[in-house]
Amino acid sequence: MKILSAVAALLVVSSVAMAGGLEVGEGVGAFYVKDVTGPSAGEKLCYRCQYRNRPVVSIFAREMNDNVASLVKSVDATVGENESKKMAAFVVLLTDQPEAQESQLKDVAKSNSISKTPLTVFDGPTGPPAYKISKDAEITVMMWVDGKLKVNEELKASDLSNDKIKALVAKTETILN
């Protein structure tokens, strides 16, 4: 029994040690992206700054694939359903070749009718340093309100199933007070 308890404790410590990123309750800081499909397309800006204390979903991805596009489409629909609550969202593609990704992001937005969630690029695969995005996470979904982090989910691309997308979208309730 002691061995089992020790193993369980080790697993908990290991999972905590592997979990990177901002902790729930921490403040989210400003960072700049290049807007590709949003209202400021072509400009560098800070969506964190623009959205201020609103309820926000931010999706950081290292690749835009069909699963990520499905997640964004679902979040985009949720933003539309919650306009009266001033909900907002944006996607940040983390890449060392931001200009090369722009046409793909425009195609994804058009083919998935994503209109309320700007798709942006960040110059660098590690993302904004203050956000401490895990190098092992292919997708990181953060949700905040009043500038405080409420949800931080780090995922492998293979984890992003339809059920996981539904579960992530359901977590928007934590920011829609």
N, C-alpha and C. Protein backbone atom coordinates (compact mmCIF):
# COMPACT_ATOMS: atom_id res chain seq x y z
N MET A 1 0.82 -1.19 0.00
CA MET A 1 0.00 0.00 0.00
C MET A 1 0.86 1.25 0.00
N LYS A 2 1.97 1.24 0.77
CA LYS A 2 2.87 2.39 0.81
C LYS A 2 3.49 2.63 -0.56
N ILE A 3 3.81 1.55 -1.25
CA ILE A 3 4.41 1.68 -2.57
C ILE A 3 3.40 2.30 -3.53
N LEU A 4 2.15 1.83 -3.46
CA LEU A 4 1.10 2.38 -4.31
C LEU A 4 0.90 3.87 -4.04
N SER A 5 0.88 4.26 -2.77
CA SER A 5 0.73 5.68 -2.41
C SER A 5 1.91 6.49 -2.92
N ALA A 6 3.11 5.94 -2.80
CA ALA A 6 4.30 6.64 -3.27
C ALA A 6 4.27 6.83 -4.79
N VAL A 7 3.85 5.79 -5.50
CA VAL A 7 3.74 5.89 -6.96
C VAL A 7 2.69 6.93 -7.34
N ALA A 8 1.54 6.92 -6.67
CA ALA A 8 0.49 7.89 -6.95
C ALA A 8 0.99 9.31 -6.70
N ALA A 9 1.69 9.52 -5.59
CA ALA A 9 2.24 10.84 -5.28
C ALA A 9 3.25 11.28 -6.33
N LEU A 10 4.08 10.35 -6.78
CA LEU A 10 5.06 10.66 -7.80
C LEU A 10 4.39 11.06 -9.11
N LEU A 11 3.31 10.36 -9.48
CA LEU A 11 2.57 10.70 -10.69
C LEU A 11 1.97 12.09 -10.60
N VAL A 12 1.42 12.45 -9.45
CA VAL A 12 0.84 13.77 -9.27
C VAL A 12 1.93 14.84 -9.39
N VAL A 13 3.06 14.62 -8.72
CA VAL A 13 4.16 15.57 -8.79
C VAL A 13 4.67 15.68 -10.22
N SER A 14 4.79 14.55 -10.92
CA SER A 14 5.27 14.58 -12.30
C SER A 14 4.32 15.34 -13.19
N SER A 15 3.02 15.14 -13.04
CA SER A 15 2.07 15.83 -13.90
C SER A 15 2.06 17.32 -13.61
N VAL A 16 2.24 17.70 -12.35
CA VAL A 16 2.32 19.12 -12.02
C VAL A 16 3.59 19.71 -12.59
N ALA A 17 4.70 18.99 -12.49
CA ALA A 17 5.97 19.49 -13.01
C ALA A 17 5.93 19.65 -14.52
N MET A 18 5.21 18.75 -15.21
CA MET A 18 5.13 18.83 -16.66
C MET A 18 4.18 19.93 -17.11
N ALA A 19 3.21 20.26 -16.28
CA ALA A 19 2.24 21.28 -16.65
C ALA A 19 2.95 22.63 -16.62
N GLY A 20 3.03 23.26 -17.75
CA GLY A 20 3.67 24.57 -17.80
C GLY A 20 2.62 25.63 -17.91
N GLY A 21 3.06 26.78 -18.29
CA GLY A 21 2.11 27.84 -18.58
C GLY A 21 1.65 28.61 -17.36
N LEU A 22 0.80 29.56 -17.65
CA LEU A 22 0.21 30.39 -16.60
C LEU A 22 -0.69 29.55 -15.71
N GLU A 23 -0.76 29.90 -14.47
CA GLU A 23 -1.64 29.23 -13.52
C GLU A 23 -3.00 29.94 -13.52
N VAL A 24 -4.05 29.18 -13.30
CA VAL A 24 -5.38 29.75 -13.17
C VAL A 24 -5.34 30.79 -12.05
N GLY A 25 -5.91 31.95 -12.33
CA GLY A 25 -5.92 33.05 -11.37
C GLY A 25 -4.86 34.10 -11.66
N GLU A 26 -3.84 33.74 -12.43
CA GLU A 26 -2.80 34.71 -12.78
C GLU A 26 -3.34 35.71 -13.80
N GLY A 27 -2.73 36.88 -13.83
CA GLY A 27 -3.09 37.88 -14.82
C GLY A 27 -2.48 37.55 -16.17
N VAL A 28 -3.19 37.92 -17.23
CA VAL A 28 -2.68 37.71 -18.58
C VAL A 28 -2.18 39.06 -19.11
N GLY A 29 -1.00 39.03 -19.66
CA GLY A 29 -0.37 40.27 -20.10
C GLY A 29 -0.55 40.55 -21.58
N ALA A 30 -0.06 41.71 -21.95
CA ALA A 30 -0.14 42.17 -23.34
C ALA A 30 0.90 41.46 -24.20
N PHE A 31 0.55 41.23 -25.46
CA PHE A 31 1.50 40.74 -26.46
C PHE A 31 0.95 41.11 -27.83
N TYR A 32 1.84 41.20 -28.79
CA TYR A 32 1.45 41.65 -30.13
C TYR A 32 1.45 40.51 -31.13
N VAL A 33 0.47 40.56 -32.01
CA VAL A 33 0.32 39.60 -33.10
C VAL A 33 0.08 40.38 -34.38
N LYS A 34 0.18 39.70 -35.49
CA LYS A 34 -0.24 40.29 -36.75
C LYS A 34 -1.62 39.72 -37.08
N ASP A 35 -2.59 40.61 -37.20
CA ASP A 35 -3.95 40.20 -37.52
C ASP A 35 -3.99 39.80 -39.00
N VAL A 36 -4.54 38.62 -39.26
CA VAL A 36 -4.64 38.12 -40.64
C VAL A 36 -6.08 38.21 -41.15
N THR A 37 -7.06 37.86 -40.32
CA THR A 37 -8.45 37.81 -40.80
C THR A 37 -9.41 38.70 -40.03
N GLY A 38 -8.94 39.37 -39.01
CA GLY A 38 -9.83 40.17 -38.17
C GLY A 38 -10.06 41.57 -38.70
N PRO A 39 -10.67 42.41 -37.90
CA PRO A 39 -11.01 43.77 -38.32
C PRO A 39 -9.79 44.64 -38.58
N SER A 40 -8.63 44.23 -38.07
CA SER A 40 -7.40 44.99 -38.29
C SER A 40 -6.42 44.20 -39.16
N ALA A 41 -6.94 43.44 -40.10
CA ALA A 41 -6.10 42.59 -40.95
C ALA A 41 -4.93 43.37 -41.53
N GLY A 42 -3.75 42.76 -41.42
CA GLY A 42 -2.54 43.37 -41.94
C GLY A 42 -1.79 44.20 -40.91
N GLU A 43 -2.40 44.46 -39.76
CA GLU A 43 -1.76 45.30 -38.74
C GLU A 43 -1.26 44.45 -37.57
N LYS A 44 -0.21 44.99 -36.91
CA LYS A 44 0.23 44.40 -35.64
C LYS A 44 -0.55 45.08 -34.54
N LEU A 45 -1.05 44.28 -33.61
CA LEU A 45 -1.84 44.83 -32.52
C LEU A 45 -1.85 43.88 -31.34
N CYS A 46 -2.43 44.35 -30.25
CA CYS A 46 -2.56 43.56 -29.03
C CYS A 46 -4.04 43.32 -28.78
N TYR A 47 -4.52 42.11 -29.10
CA TYR A 47 -5.92 41.79 -28.83
C TYR A 47 -6.17 41.72 -27.33
N ARG A 48 -5.20 41.30 -26.56
CA ARG A 48 -5.37 41.29 -25.09
C ARG A 48 -5.70 42.72 -24.63
N CYS A 49 -5.00 43.69 -25.20
CA CYS A 49 -5.23 45.09 -24.83
C CYS A 49 -6.60 45.58 -25.32
N GLN A 50 -6.96 45.22 -26.53
CA GLN A 50 -8.25 45.65 -27.09
C GLN A 50 -9.43 45.07 -26.33
N TYR A 51 -9.31 43.81 -25.94
CA TYR A 51 -10.43 43.14 -25.30
C TYR A 51 -10.53 43.43 -23.80
N ARG A 52 -9.48 44.00 -23.24
CA ARG A 52 -9.44 44.43 -21.83
C ARG A 52 -10.01 43.39 -20.88
N ASN A 53 -11.11 43.69 -20.21
CA ASN A 53 -11.67 42.82 -19.17
C ASN A 53 -12.79 41.91 -19.65
N ARG A 54 -13.01 41.88 -20.95
CA ARG A 54 -14.06 41.04 -21.51
C ARG A 54 -13.76 39.57 -21.32
N PRO A 55 -14.77 38.70 -21.42
CA PRO A 55 -14.50 37.26 -21.43
C PRO A 55 -13.87 36.87 -22.77
N VAL A 56 -12.70 36.24 -22.70
CA VAL A 56 -11.91 35.97 -23.91
C VAL A 56 -11.46 34.52 -23.95
N VAL A 57 -11.53 33.94 -25.15
CA VAL A 57 -10.92 32.65 -25.44
C VAL A 57 -9.77 32.92 -26.40
N SER A 58 -8.60 32.44 -26.03
CA SER A 58 -7.43 32.58 -26.90
C SER A 58 -6.89 31.19 -27.17
N ILE A 59 -6.75 30.87 -28.45
CA ILE A 59 -6.26 29.56 -28.86
C ILE A 59 -4.88 29.76 -29.48
N PHE A 60 -3.88 29.15 -28.88
CA PHE A 60 -2.52 29.16 -29.41
C PHE A 60 -2.28 27.82 -30.09
N ALA A 61 -1.87 27.84 -31.34
CA ALA A 61 -1.64 26.59 -32.07
C ALA A 61 -0.32 26.68 -32.83
N ARG A 62 0.35 25.57 -32.92
CA ARG A 62 1.61 25.53 -33.67
C ARG A 62 1.38 25.11 -35.12
N GLU A 63 0.15 24.65 -35.39
CA GLU A 63 -0.23 24.25 -36.76
C GLU A 63 -1.73 24.45 -36.90
N MET A 64 -2.13 24.93 -38.05
CA MET A 64 -3.56 25.05 -38.32
C MET A 64 -3.95 23.82 -39.13
N ASN A 65 -4.68 22.90 -38.48
CA ASN A 65 -5.14 21.70 -39.17
C ASN A 65 -6.66 21.62 -39.04
N ASP A 66 -7.25 20.56 -39.55
CA ASP A 66 -8.72 20.43 -39.53
C ASP A 66 -9.28 20.42 -38.11
N ASN A 67 -8.59 19.75 -37.18
CA ASN A 67 -9.09 19.70 -35.81
C ASN A 67 -9.07 21.07 -35.15
N VAL A 68 -8.00 21.81 -35.36
CA VAL A 68 -7.91 23.16 -34.80
C VAL A 68 -8.98 24.05 -35.45
N ALA A 69 -9.16 23.90 -36.75
CA ALA A 69 -10.20 24.68 -37.45
C ALA A 69 -11.59 24.35 -36.88
N SER A 70 -11.85 23.09 -36.55
CA SER A 70 -13.13 22.71 -35.95
C SER A 70 -13.31 23.36 -34.58
N LEU A 71 -12.24 23.39 -33.79
CA LEU A 71 -12.29 24.05 -32.49
C LEU A 71 -12.60 25.53 -32.68
N VAL A 72 -11.89 26.17 -33.58
CA VAL A 72 -12.09 27.60 -33.82
C VAL A 72 -13.51 27.88 -34.30
N LYS A 73 -14.01 27.04 -35.18
CA LYS A 73 -15.38 27.23 -35.68
C LYS A 73 -16.39 27.13 -34.53
N SER A 74 -16.20 26.18 -33.62
CA SER A 74 -17.09 26.04 -32.47
C SER A 74 -16.99 27.23 -31.53
N VAL A 75 -15.78 27.69 -31.28
CA VAL A 75 -15.58 28.87 -30.42
C VAL A 75 -16.20 30.09 -31.09
N ASP A 76 -16.02 30.23 -32.40
CA ASP A 76 -16.57 31.36 -33.14
C ASP A 76 -18.09 31.40 -33.01
N ALA A 77 -18.73 30.25 -33.08
CA ALA A 77 -20.19 30.18 -32.91
C ALA A 77 -20.59 30.60 -31.50
N THR A 78 -19.81 30.18 -30.52
CA THR A 78 -20.09 30.53 -29.12
C THR A 78 -19.93 32.03 -28.91
N VAL A 79 -18.94 32.62 -29.53
CA VAL A 79 -18.75 34.08 -29.45
C VAL A 79 -19.99 34.77 -30.03
N GLY A 80 -20.47 34.30 -31.16
CA GLY A 80 -21.66 34.88 -31.78
C GLY A 80 -22.89 34.77 -30.89
N GLU A 81 -23.01 33.65 -30.20
CA GLU A 81 -24.16 33.43 -29.30
C GLU A 81 -24.08 34.29 -28.04
N ASN A 82 -22.89 34.81 -27.73
CA ASN A 82 -22.69 35.55 -26.49
C ASN A 82 -22.23 36.99 -26.73
N GLU A 83 -22.64 37.55 -27.85
CA GLU A 83 -22.28 38.94 -28.14
C GLU A 83 -22.82 39.89 -27.08
N SER A 84 -23.98 39.59 -26.53
CA SER A 84 -24.55 40.47 -25.50
C SER A 84 -23.69 40.48 -24.23
N LYS A 85 -22.88 39.44 -24.04
CA LYS A 85 -21.98 39.37 -22.89
C LYS A 85 -20.57 39.87 -23.26
N LYS A 86 -20.46 40.38 -24.49
CA LYS A 86 -19.21 40.93 -25.00
C LYS A 86 -18.06 39.91 -25.06
N MET A 87 -18.44 38.64 -25.24
CA MET A 87 -17.42 37.59 -25.36
C MET A 87 -16.60 37.83 -26.62
N ALA A 88 -15.31 37.49 -26.53
CA ALA A 88 -14.40 37.65 -27.66
C ALA A 88 -13.47 36.44 -27.72
N ALA A 89 -12.84 36.28 -28.86
CA ALA A 89 -11.87 35.20 -29.03
C ALA A 89 -10.88 35.60 -30.11
N PHE A 90 -9.72 34.98 -30.07
CA PHE A 90 -8.76 35.12 -31.16
C PHE A 90 -7.84 33.91 -31.16
N VAL A 91 -7.29 33.63 -32.33
CA VAL A 91 -6.40 32.49 -32.52
C VAL A 91 -5.02 33.03 -32.83
N VAL A 92 -4.01 32.40 -32.24
CA VAL A 92 -2.63 32.81 -32.46
C VAL A 92 -1.87 31.61 -33.01
N LEU A 93 -1.47 31.70 -34.26
CA LEU A 93 -0.64 30.66 -34.86
C LEU A 93 0.81 31.00 -34.53
N LEU A 94 1.47 30.11 -33.81
CA LEU A 94 2.85 30.30 -33.39
C LEU A 94 3.77 29.71 -34.45
N THR A 95 4.56 30.57 -35.09
CA THR A 95 5.37 30.10 -36.20
C THR A 95 6.60 30.96 -36.39
N ASP A 96 7.64 30.36 -36.92
CA ASP A 96 8.83 31.15 -37.25
C ASP A 96 8.76 31.66 -38.69
N GLN A 97 7.65 31.38 -39.37
CA GLN A 97 7.43 31.90 -40.73
C GLN A 97 6.01 32.47 -40.83
N PRO A 98 5.75 33.58 -40.12
CA PRO A 98 4.38 34.10 -40.07
C PRO A 98 3.80 34.48 -41.43
N GLU A 99 4.58 35.11 -42.28
CA GLU A 99 4.05 35.54 -43.58
C GLU A 99 3.63 34.35 -44.43
N ALA A 100 4.35 33.24 -44.31
CA ALA A 100 4.05 32.05 -45.11
C ALA A 100 2.74 31.40 -44.69
N GLN A 101 2.23 31.70 -43.51
CA GLN A 101 1.02 31.07 -42.99
C GLN A 101 -0.25 31.87 -43.27
N GLU A 102 -0.10 33.11 -43.70
CA GLU A 102 -1.25 34.00 -43.81
C GLU A 102 -2.31 33.52 -44.80
N SER A 103 -1.90 33.03 -45.96
CA SER A 103 -2.90 32.59 -46.94
C SER A 103 -3.68 31.38 -46.43
N GLN A 104 -3.01 30.49 -45.69
CA GLN A 104 -3.70 29.33 -45.12
C GLN A 104 -4.75 29.79 -44.11
N LEU A 105 -4.40 30.76 -43.27
CA LEU A 105 -5.35 31.25 -42.27
C LEU A 105 -6.56 31.91 -42.94
N LYS A 106 -6.32 32.65 -44.00
CA LYS A 106 -7.44 33.26 -44.74
C LYS A 106 -8.34 32.19 -45.33
N ASP A 107 -7.74 31.14 -45.88
CA ASP A 107 -8.52 30.03 -46.44
C ASP A 107 -9.35 29.32 -45.36
N VAL A 108 -8.74 29.09 -44.19
CA VAL A 108 -9.45 28.42 -43.09
C VAL A 108 -10.63 29.26 -42.64
N ALA A 109 -10.42 30.56 -42.49
CA ALA A 109 -11.51 31.44 -42.06
C ALA A 109 -12.65 31.43 -43.07
N LYS A 110 -12.30 31.49 -44.34
CA LYS A 110 -13.33 31.52 -45.39
C LYS A 110 -14.07 30.18 -45.48
N SER A 111 -13.34 29.07 -45.53
CA SER A 111 -13.98 27.77 -45.73
C SER A 111 -14.79 27.32 -44.51
N ASN A 112 -14.49 27.87 -43.33
CA ASN A 112 -15.21 27.50 -42.11
C ASN A 112 -16.16 28.60 -41.63
N SER A 113 -16.31 29.65 -42.43
CA SER A 113 -17.18 30.78 -42.09
C SER A 113 -16.87 31.34 -40.70
N ILE A 114 -15.59 31.48 -40.41
CA ILE A 114 -15.14 32.05 -39.13
C ILE A 114 -15.10 33.57 -39.31
N SER A 115 -16.00 34.26 -38.61
CA SER A 115 -16.11 35.70 -38.82
C SER A 115 -15.97 36.53 -37.55
N LYS A 116 -16.10 35.92 -36.39
CA LYS A 116 -16.07 36.67 -35.14
C LYS A 116 -14.77 36.45 -34.36
N THR A 117 -13.94 35.56 -34.85
CA THR A 117 -12.70 35.19 -34.18
C THR A 117 -11.52 35.47 -35.10
N PRO A 118 -10.76 36.54 -34.85
CA PRO A 118 -9.62 36.83 -35.70
C PRO A 118 -8.56 35.73 -35.63
N LEU A 119 -8.02 35.40 -36.79
CA LEU A 119 -6.89 34.48 -36.87
C LEU A 119 -5.65 35.34 -37.04
N THR A 120 -4.66 35.11 -36.19
CA THR A 120 -3.46 35.94 -36.17
C THR A 120 -2.22 35.06 -36.21
N VAL A 121 -1.08 35.71 -36.42
CA VAL A 121 0.21 35.01 -36.36
C VAL A 121 1.10 35.71 -35.34
N PHE A 122 1.89 34.89 -34.66
CA PHE A 122 2.90 35.38 -33.73
C PHE A 122 4.24 34.93 -34.27
N ASP A 123 5.18 35.83 -34.33
CA ASP A 123 6.50 35.52 -34.87
C ASP A 123 7.33 34.80 -33.82
N GLY A 124 7.29 33.47 -33.89
CA GLY A 124 8.06 32.63 -32.99
C GLY A 124 7.23 31.45 -32.51
N PRO A 125 7.78 30.25 -32.59
CA PRO A 125 7.03 29.05 -32.21
C PRO A 125 6.82 28.89 -30.71
N THR A 126 7.52 29.66 -29.88
CA THR A 126 7.36 29.52 -28.43
C THR A 126 6.26 30.42 -27.87
N GLY A 127 5.83 31.40 -28.63
CA GLY A 127 4.76 32.28 -28.17
C GLY A 127 5.27 33.38 -27.26
N PRO A 128 4.35 34.18 -26.75
CA PRO A 128 4.74 35.27 -25.86
C PRO A 128 5.40 34.72 -24.59
N PRO A 129 6.60 35.16 -24.25
CA PRO A 129 7.32 34.58 -23.11
C PRO A 129 6.53 34.59 -21.80
N ALA A 130 5.79 35.64 -21.51
CA ALA A 130 5.05 35.74 -20.25
C ALA A 130 3.95 34.68 -20.14
N TYR A 131 3.54 34.11 -21.26
CA TYR A 131 2.46 33.11 -21.26
C TYR A 131 2.98 31.70 -20.97
N LYS A 132 4.28 31.52 -21.05
CA LYS A 132 4.93 30.25 -20.69
C LYS A 132 4.26 29.05 -21.36
N ILE A 133 4.00 29.15 -22.63
CA ILE A 133 3.34 28.06 -23.35
C ILE A 133 4.29 26.87 -23.44
N SER A 134 3.80 25.73 -23.05
CA SER A 134 4.61 24.51 -23.04
C SER A 134 5.10 24.19 -24.43
N LYS A 135 6.38 23.86 -24.53
CA LYS A 135 6.93 23.48 -25.83
C LYS A 135 6.35 22.17 -26.33
N ASP A 136 5.79 21.37 -25.41
CA ASP A 136 5.20 20.09 -25.78
C ASP A 136 3.74 20.20 -26.21
N ALA A 137 3.11 21.33 -25.94
CA ALA A 137 1.70 21.51 -26.30
C ALA A 137 1.61 21.99 -27.75
N GLU A 138 0.82 21.28 -28.53
CA GLU A 138 0.60 21.70 -29.91
C GLU A 138 -0.54 22.71 -29.99
N ILE A 139 -1.44 22.63 -29.00
CA ILE A 139 -2.57 23.56 -28.91
C ILE A 139 -2.71 23.94 -27.44
N THR A 140 -2.85 25.22 -27.18
CA THR A 140 -3.11 25.70 -25.82
C THR A 140 -4.33 26.59 -25.88
N VAL A 141 -5.31 26.27 -25.06
CA VAL A 141 -6.54 27.05 -25.01
C VAL A 141 -6.58 27.76 -23.66
N MET A 142 -6.60 29.08 -23.71
CA MET A 142 -6.68 29.88 -22.50
C MET A 142 -7.98 30.68 -22.53
N MET A 143 -8.60 30.78 -21.38
CA MET A 143 -9.81 31.59 -21.25
C MET A 143 -9.63 32.49 -20.04
N TRP A 144 -9.99 33.76 -20.22
CA TRP A 144 -9.86 34.70 -19.11
C TRP A 144 -11.01 35.69 -19.12
N VAL A 145 -11.20 36.33 -17.99
CA VAL A 145 -12.16 37.41 -17.83
C VAL A 145 -11.57 38.34 -16.78
N ASP A 146 -11.81 39.62 -16.93
CA ASP A 146 -11.24 40.63 -16.03
C ASP A 146 -9.73 40.50 -15.94
N GLY A 147 -9.11 40.05 -17.03
CA GLY A 147 -7.66 39.94 -17.08
C GLY A 147 -7.07 38.80 -16.28
N LYS A 148 -7.91 37.92 -15.72
CA LYS A 148 -7.44 36.80 -14.91
C LYS A 148 -7.74 35.48 -15.60
N LEU A 149 -6.74 34.62 -15.66
CA LEU A 149 -6.87 33.32 -16.32
C LEU A 149 -7.83 32.42 -15.55
N LYS A 150 -8.78 31.83 -16.28
CA LYS A 150 -9.75 30.89 -15.69
C LYS A 150 -9.54 29.47 -16.19
N VAL A 151 -9.04 29.32 -17.42
CA VAL A 151 -8.83 28.00 -18.02
C VAL A 151 -7.51 28.02 -18.78
N ASN A 152 -6.72 26.96 -18.61
CA ASN A 152 -5.49 26.80 -19.38
C ASN A 152 -5.35 25.32 -19.70
N GLU A 153 -5.69 24.95 -20.93
CA GLU A 153 -5.64 23.55 -21.38
C GLU A 153 -4.54 23.40 -22.42
N GLU A 154 -3.61 22.50 -22.16
CA GLU A 154 -2.54 22.21 -23.10
C GLU A 154 -2.81 20.85 -23.72
N LEU A 155 -2.76 20.79 -25.05
CA LEU A 155 -3.16 19.58 -25.76
C LEU A 155 -2.16 19.18 -26.83
N LYS A 156 -2.11 17.90 -27.09
CA LYS A 156 -1.47 17.37 -28.29
C LYS A 156 -2.54 17.40 -29.39
N ALA A 157 -2.14 17.47 -30.63
CA ALA A 157 -3.10 17.51 -31.73
C ALA A 157 -4.02 16.29 -31.70
N SER A 158 -3.49 15.15 -31.33
CA SER A 158 -4.29 13.92 -31.30
C SER A 158 -5.35 13.94 -30.19
N ASP A 159 -5.23 14.84 -29.22
CA ASP A 159 -6.22 14.95 -28.14
C ASP A 159 -7.46 15.72 -28.56
N LEU A 160 -7.40 16.42 -29.67
CA LEU A 160 -8.47 17.34 -30.06
C LEU A 160 -9.56 16.62 -30.85
N SER A 161 -10.32 15.79 -30.15
CA SER A 161 -11.45 15.07 -30.75
C SER A 161 -12.70 15.95 -30.69
N ASN A 162 -13.78 15.49 -31.32
CA ASN A 162 -15.05 16.22 -31.24
C ASN A 162 -15.53 16.35 -29.80
N ASP A 163 -15.36 15.29 -29.01
CA ASP A 163 -15.77 15.34 -27.60
C ASP A 163 -14.94 16.36 -26.83
N LYS A 164 -13.65 16.42 -27.11
CA LYS A 164 -12.78 17.38 -26.42
C LYS A 164 -13.15 18.80 -26.83
N ILE A 165 -13.47 19.00 -28.09
CA ILE A 165 -13.89 20.33 -28.55
C ILE A 165 -15.16 20.76 -27.81
N LYS A 166 -16.13 19.85 -27.70
CA LYS A 166 -17.36 20.17 -26.95
C LYS A 166 -17.06 20.50 -25.50
N ALA A 167 -16.16 19.75 -24.89
CA ALA A 167 -15.80 20.00 -23.49
C ALA A 167 -15.11 21.35 -23.33
N LEU A 168 -14.24 21.70 -24.26
CA LEU A 168 -13.57 23.01 -24.20
C LEU A 168 -14.58 24.14 -24.37
N VAL A 169 -15.47 24.01 -25.32
CA VAL A 169 -16.48 25.05 -25.54
C VAL A 169 -17.37 25.18 -24.29
N ALA A 170 -17.68 24.06 -23.65
CA ALA A 170 -18.49 24.11 -22.43
C ALA A 170 -17.79 24.90 -21.32
N LYS A 171 -16.46 24.89 -21.32
CA LYS A 171 -15.70 25.62 -20.29
C LYS A 171 -15.82 27.13 -20.45
N THR A 172 -16.37 27.60 -21.56
CA THR A 172 -16.55 29.06 -21.70
C THR A 172 -17.51 29.58 -20.63
N GLU A 173 -18.31 28.71 -20.03
CA GLU A 173 -19.20 29.14 -18.96
C GLU A 173 -18.41 29.74 -17.78
N THR A 174 -17.14 29.31 -17.62
CA THR A 174 -16.34 29.82 -16.51
C THR A 174 -15.99 31.30 -16.69
N ILE A 175 -16.08 31.81 -17.92
CA ILE A 175 -15.75 33.23 -18.16
C ILE A 175 -16.99 34.07 -18.45
N LEU A 176 -18.12 33.43 -18.58
CA LEU A 176 -19.37 34.15 -18.90
C LEU A 176 -20.20 34.34 -17.65
N ASN A 177 -19.73 35.17 -16.74
CA ASN A 177 -20.44 35.35 -15.48
C ASN A 177 -21.59 36.31 -15.59
